Amino acid sequence: FGGMLGWVAAAPQHAGRGLGMAASAAAVRRLIEAGYRDIFLLTDDFRLPALKIYLKLGYEPLLFTDGMKERWEEVYQKLNWHP
């Protein structure tokens, strides 16, 4: 019984206004209110703005294959994020 957060997007002219964070937080809140306890997402390494939002919301990477730790270390470095 899980829910998924995904495909959060905004028009480029609205970047940096917090819309992605607001939409993502609202979606997660709605999933929690609906009773979901396992909420997951899928994304790509190069989607740095989205990754930063997900990290701020408390998501943590699931390191399930070889090389993922190194990939996430690179993402953290690019975002200046300290887990």
N, C-alpha and C. Protein backbone atom coordinates (compact mmCIF):
# COMPACT_ATOMS: atom_id res chain seq x y z
N PHE A 1 0.87 -1.17 0.00
CA PHE A 1 0.00 0.00 0.00
C PHE A 1 0.90 1.22 0.00
N GLY A 2 1.28 1.67 -1.18
CA GLY A 2 2.19 2.80 -1.28
C GLY A 2 1.70 3.84 -2.25
N GLY A 3 2.20 5.04 -2.08
CA GLY A 3 1.88 6.14 -2.96
C GLY A 3 3.15 6.67 -3.59
N MET A 4 3.01 7.35 -4.72
CA MET A 4 4.18 7.86 -5.41
C MET A 4 4.04 9.34 -5.71
N LEU A 5 5.11 10.06 -5.48
CA LEU A 5 5.22 11.46 -5.87
C LEU A 5 6.06 11.49 -7.12
N GLY A 6 5.58 12.13 -8.18
CA GLY A 6 6.37 12.18 -9.40
C GLY A 6 5.86 13.19 -10.39
N TRP A 7 6.69 13.46 -11.35
CA TRP A 7 6.39 14.37 -12.45
C TRP A 7 5.96 15.74 -11.98
N VAL A 8 6.70 16.29 -11.03
CA VAL A 8 6.47 17.66 -10.58
C VAL A 8 7.22 18.57 -11.55
N ALA A 9 6.52 19.52 -12.13
CA ALA A 9 7.15 20.39 -13.12
C ALA A 9 6.49 21.76 -13.08
N ALA A 10 7.24 22.75 -13.53
CA ALA A 10 6.70 24.10 -13.67
C ALA A 10 7.32 24.72 -14.92
N ALA A 11 6.66 25.70 -15.46
CA ALA A 11 7.20 26.41 -16.61
C ALA A 11 8.49 27.11 -16.20
N PRO A 12 9.48 27.11 -17.07
CA PRO A 12 10.79 27.70 -16.72
C PRO A 12 10.70 29.14 -16.21
N GLN A 13 9.77 29.92 -16.71
CA GLN A 13 9.67 31.32 -16.27
C GLN A 13 9.21 31.45 -14.81
N HIS A 14 8.77 30.35 -14.23
CA HIS A 14 8.34 30.37 -12.82
C HIS A 14 9.34 29.69 -11.89
N ALA A 15 10.49 29.32 -12.41
CA ALA A 15 11.52 28.65 -11.60
C ALA A 15 11.95 29.54 -10.44
N GLY A 16 12.23 28.89 -9.32
CA GLY A 16 12.74 29.61 -8.16
C GLY A 16 11.70 30.28 -7.30
N ARG A 17 10.45 30.04 -7.56
CA ARG A 17 9.38 30.69 -6.78
C ARG A 17 8.76 29.78 -5.72
N GLY A 18 9.31 28.58 -5.57
CA GLY A 18 8.81 27.67 -4.54
C GLY A 18 7.60 26.84 -4.95
N LEU A 19 7.25 26.88 -6.22
CA LEU A 19 6.07 26.14 -6.67
C LEU A 19 6.27 24.63 -6.58
N GLY A 20 7.46 24.16 -6.92
CA GLY A 20 7.75 22.73 -6.83
C GLY A 20 7.65 22.22 -5.40
N MET A 21 8.19 22.99 -4.47
CA MET A 21 8.12 22.61 -3.05
C MET A 21 6.67 22.60 -2.58
N ALA A 22 5.91 23.63 -2.94
CA ALA A 22 4.51 23.71 -2.51
C ALA A 22 3.70 22.54 -3.07
N ALA A 23 3.87 22.25 -4.35
CA ALA A 23 3.12 21.15 -4.97
C ALA A 23 3.53 19.81 -4.38
N SER A 24 4.82 19.61 -4.19
CA SER A 24 5.31 18.34 -3.64
C SER A 24 4.83 18.14 -2.22
N ALA A 25 4.93 19.17 -1.40
CA ALA A 25 4.49 19.06 -0.01
C ALA A 25 2.99 18.80 0.07
N ALA A 26 2.21 19.46 -0.78
CA ALA A 26 0.76 19.24 -0.80
C ALA A 26 0.43 17.81 -1.22
N ALA A 27 1.14 17.30 -2.22
CA ALA A 27 0.90 15.92 -2.67
C ALA A 27 1.23 14.92 -1.57
N VAL A 28 2.35 15.12 -0.89
CA VAL A 28 2.74 14.21 0.20
C VAL A 28 1.72 14.29 1.34
N ARG A 29 1.30 15.51 1.66
CA ARG A 29 0.30 15.66 2.73
C ARG A 29 -0.99 14.92 2.36
N ARG A 30 -1.40 15.03 1.11
CA ARG A 30 -2.62 14.35 0.66
C ARG A 30 -2.47 12.83 0.73
N LEU A 31 -1.31 12.32 0.35
CA LEU A 31 -1.07 10.88 0.43
C LEU A 31 -1.11 10.40 1.88
N ILE A 32 -0.51 11.17 2.79
CA ILE A 32 -0.54 10.81 4.21
C ILE A 32 -1.97 10.82 4.74
N GLU A 33 -2.73 11.86 4.37
CA GLU A 33 -4.13 11.94 4.80
C GLU A 33 -4.97 10.77 4.27
N ALA A 34 -4.58 10.24 3.12
CA ALA A 34 -5.29 9.11 2.53
C ALA A 34 -4.87 7.78 3.14
N GLY A 35 -3.91 7.82 4.06
CA GLY A 35 -3.50 6.61 4.76
C GLY A 35 -2.25 5.94 4.24
N TYR A 36 -1.61 6.53 3.27
CA TYR A 36 -0.38 5.92 2.74
C TYR A 36 0.75 6.11 3.75
N ARG A 37 1.51 5.06 3.97
CA ARG A 37 2.65 5.12 4.87
C ARG A 37 3.96 4.92 4.11
N ASP A 38 3.91 4.27 2.97
CA ASP A 38 5.07 4.11 2.11
C ASP A 38 4.89 5.03 0.92
N ILE A 39 5.61 6.14 0.94
CA ILE A 39 5.52 7.11 -0.14
C ILE A 39 6.89 7.20 -0.79
N PHE A 40 6.94 6.96 -2.07
CA PHE A 40 8.22 6.90 -2.76
C PHE A 40 8.20 7.79 -3.99
N LEU A 41 9.35 7.96 -4.58
CA LEU A 41 9.47 8.72 -5.81
C LEU A 41 10.60 8.15 -6.64
N LEU A 42 10.56 8.48 -7.91
CA LEU A 42 11.61 8.11 -8.85
C LEU A 42 12.05 9.37 -9.57
N THR A 43 13.33 9.51 -9.80
CA THR A 43 13.83 10.67 -10.53
C THR A 43 15.19 10.34 -11.13
N ASP A 44 15.81 11.31 -11.73
CA ASP A 44 17.12 11.14 -12.37
C ASP A 44 18.16 11.99 -11.65
N ASP A 45 19.42 11.57 -11.76
CA ASP A 45 20.52 12.29 -11.10
C ASP A 45 20.63 13.75 -11.53
N PHE A 46 20.29 14.03 -12.78
CA PHE A 46 20.49 15.38 -13.31
C PHE A 46 19.36 16.34 -12.97
N ARG A 47 18.31 15.87 -12.34
CA ARG A 47 17.19 16.74 -11.97
C ARG A 47 17.46 17.36 -10.59
N LEU A 48 18.49 18.16 -10.55
CA LEU A 48 18.97 18.70 -9.27
C LEU A 48 17.93 19.54 -8.53
N PRO A 49 17.18 20.43 -9.18
CA PRO A 49 16.16 21.17 -8.42
C PRO A 49 15.14 20.26 -7.76
N ALA A 50 14.70 19.22 -8.47
CA ALA A 50 13.74 18.28 -7.89
C ALA A 50 14.37 17.51 -6.74
N LEU A 51 15.60 17.06 -6.93
CA LEU A 51 16.28 16.32 -5.86
C LEU A 51 16.42 17.16 -4.60
N LYS A 52 16.72 18.43 -4.77
CA LYS A 52 16.85 19.31 -3.60
C LYS A 52 15.52 19.42 -2.85
N ILE A 53 14.44 19.54 -3.59
CA ILE A 53 13.11 19.59 -2.96
C ILE A 53 12.85 18.30 -2.19
N TYR A 54 13.09 17.17 -2.82
CA TYR A 54 12.82 15.88 -2.17
C TYR A 54 13.66 15.70 -0.92
N LEU A 55 14.91 16.12 -0.98
CA LEU A 55 15.78 16.03 0.21
C LEU A 55 15.26 16.94 1.32
N LYS A 56 14.82 18.15 0.97
CA LYS A 56 14.26 19.07 1.97
C LYS A 56 13.00 18.50 2.61
N LEU A 57 12.25 17.72 1.85
CA LEU A 57 11.04 17.09 2.39
C LEU A 57 11.35 15.87 3.26
N GLY A 58 12.62 15.48 3.30
CA GLY A 58 13.01 14.39 4.18
C GLY A 58 13.24 13.05 3.49
N TYR A 59 13.10 13.03 2.18
CA TYR A 59 13.38 11.78 1.47
C TYR A 59 14.86 11.47 1.53
N GLU A 60 15.16 10.17 1.54
CA GLU A 60 16.54 9.69 1.53
C GLU A 60 16.68 8.68 0.41
N PRO A 61 17.84 8.66 -0.23
CA PRO A 61 18.02 7.70 -1.33
C PRO A 61 18.07 6.26 -0.82
N LEU A 62 17.53 5.38 -1.64
CA LEU A 62 17.61 3.95 -1.38
C LEU A 62 18.77 3.43 -2.22
N LEU A 63 19.83 3.04 -1.55
CA LEU A 63 21.05 2.60 -2.23
C LEU A 63 20.98 1.10 -2.44
N PHE A 64 20.41 0.69 -3.58
CA PHE A 64 20.13 -0.72 -3.80
C PHE A 64 21.00 -1.39 -4.85
N THR A 65 21.87 -0.66 -5.51
CA THR A 65 22.78 -1.28 -6.47
C THR A 65 24.18 -0.73 -6.30
N ASP A 66 25.14 -1.45 -6.82
CA ASP A 66 26.53 -0.99 -6.78
C ASP A 66 26.63 0.36 -7.48
N GLY A 67 27.44 1.23 -6.91
CA GLY A 67 27.69 2.53 -7.51
C GLY A 67 26.72 3.62 -7.10
N MET A 68 25.62 3.26 -6.45
CA MET A 68 24.65 4.29 -6.08
C MET A 68 25.18 5.23 -5.00
N LYS A 69 25.96 4.70 -4.09
CA LYS A 69 26.52 5.57 -3.05
C LYS A 69 27.36 6.67 -3.68
N GLU A 70 28.18 6.30 -4.65
CA GLU A 70 29.04 7.27 -5.32
C GLU A 70 28.20 8.27 -6.13
N ARG A 71 27.16 7.80 -6.79
CA ARG A 71 26.28 8.70 -7.55
C ARG A 71 25.64 9.72 -6.63
N TRP A 72 25.18 9.28 -5.46
CA TRP A 72 24.54 10.20 -4.53
C TRP A 72 25.56 11.15 -3.91
N GLU A 73 26.75 10.69 -3.68
CA GLU A 73 27.79 11.59 -3.17
C GLU A 73 28.03 12.73 -4.16
N GLU A 74 27.99 12.41 -5.45
CA GLU A 74 28.15 13.43 -6.49
C GLU A 74 26.97 14.41 -6.49
N VAL A 75 25.76 13.88 -6.34
CA VAL A 75 24.57 14.73 -6.27
C VAL A 75 24.67 15.65 -5.06
N TYR A 76 25.02 15.10 -3.90
CA TYR A 76 25.16 15.91 -2.69
C TYR A 76 26.18 17.03 -2.90
N GLN A 77 27.28 16.71 -3.55
CA GLN A 77 28.31 17.71 -3.80
C GLN A 77 27.78 18.82 -4.71
N LYS A 78 27.08 18.46 -5.76
CA LYS A 78 26.53 19.45 -6.68
C LYS A 78 25.49 20.35 -5.99
N LEU A 79 24.75 19.79 -5.05
CA LEU A 79 23.73 20.54 -4.33
C LEU A 79 24.26 21.23 -3.09
N ASN A 80 25.53 20.97 -2.77
CA ASN A 80 26.10 21.46 -1.51
C ASN A 80 25.22 21.01 -0.34
N TRP A 81 24.87 19.74 -0.38
CA TRP A 81 23.96 19.13 0.62
C TRP A 81 24.79 18.22 1.52
N HIS A 82 24.52 18.30 2.80
CA HIS A 82 25.23 17.48 3.78
C HIS A 82 24.24 16.62 4.53
N PRO A 83 24.15 15.33 4.14
CA PRO A 83 23.17 14.44 4.78
C PRO A 83 23.52 14.16 6.24
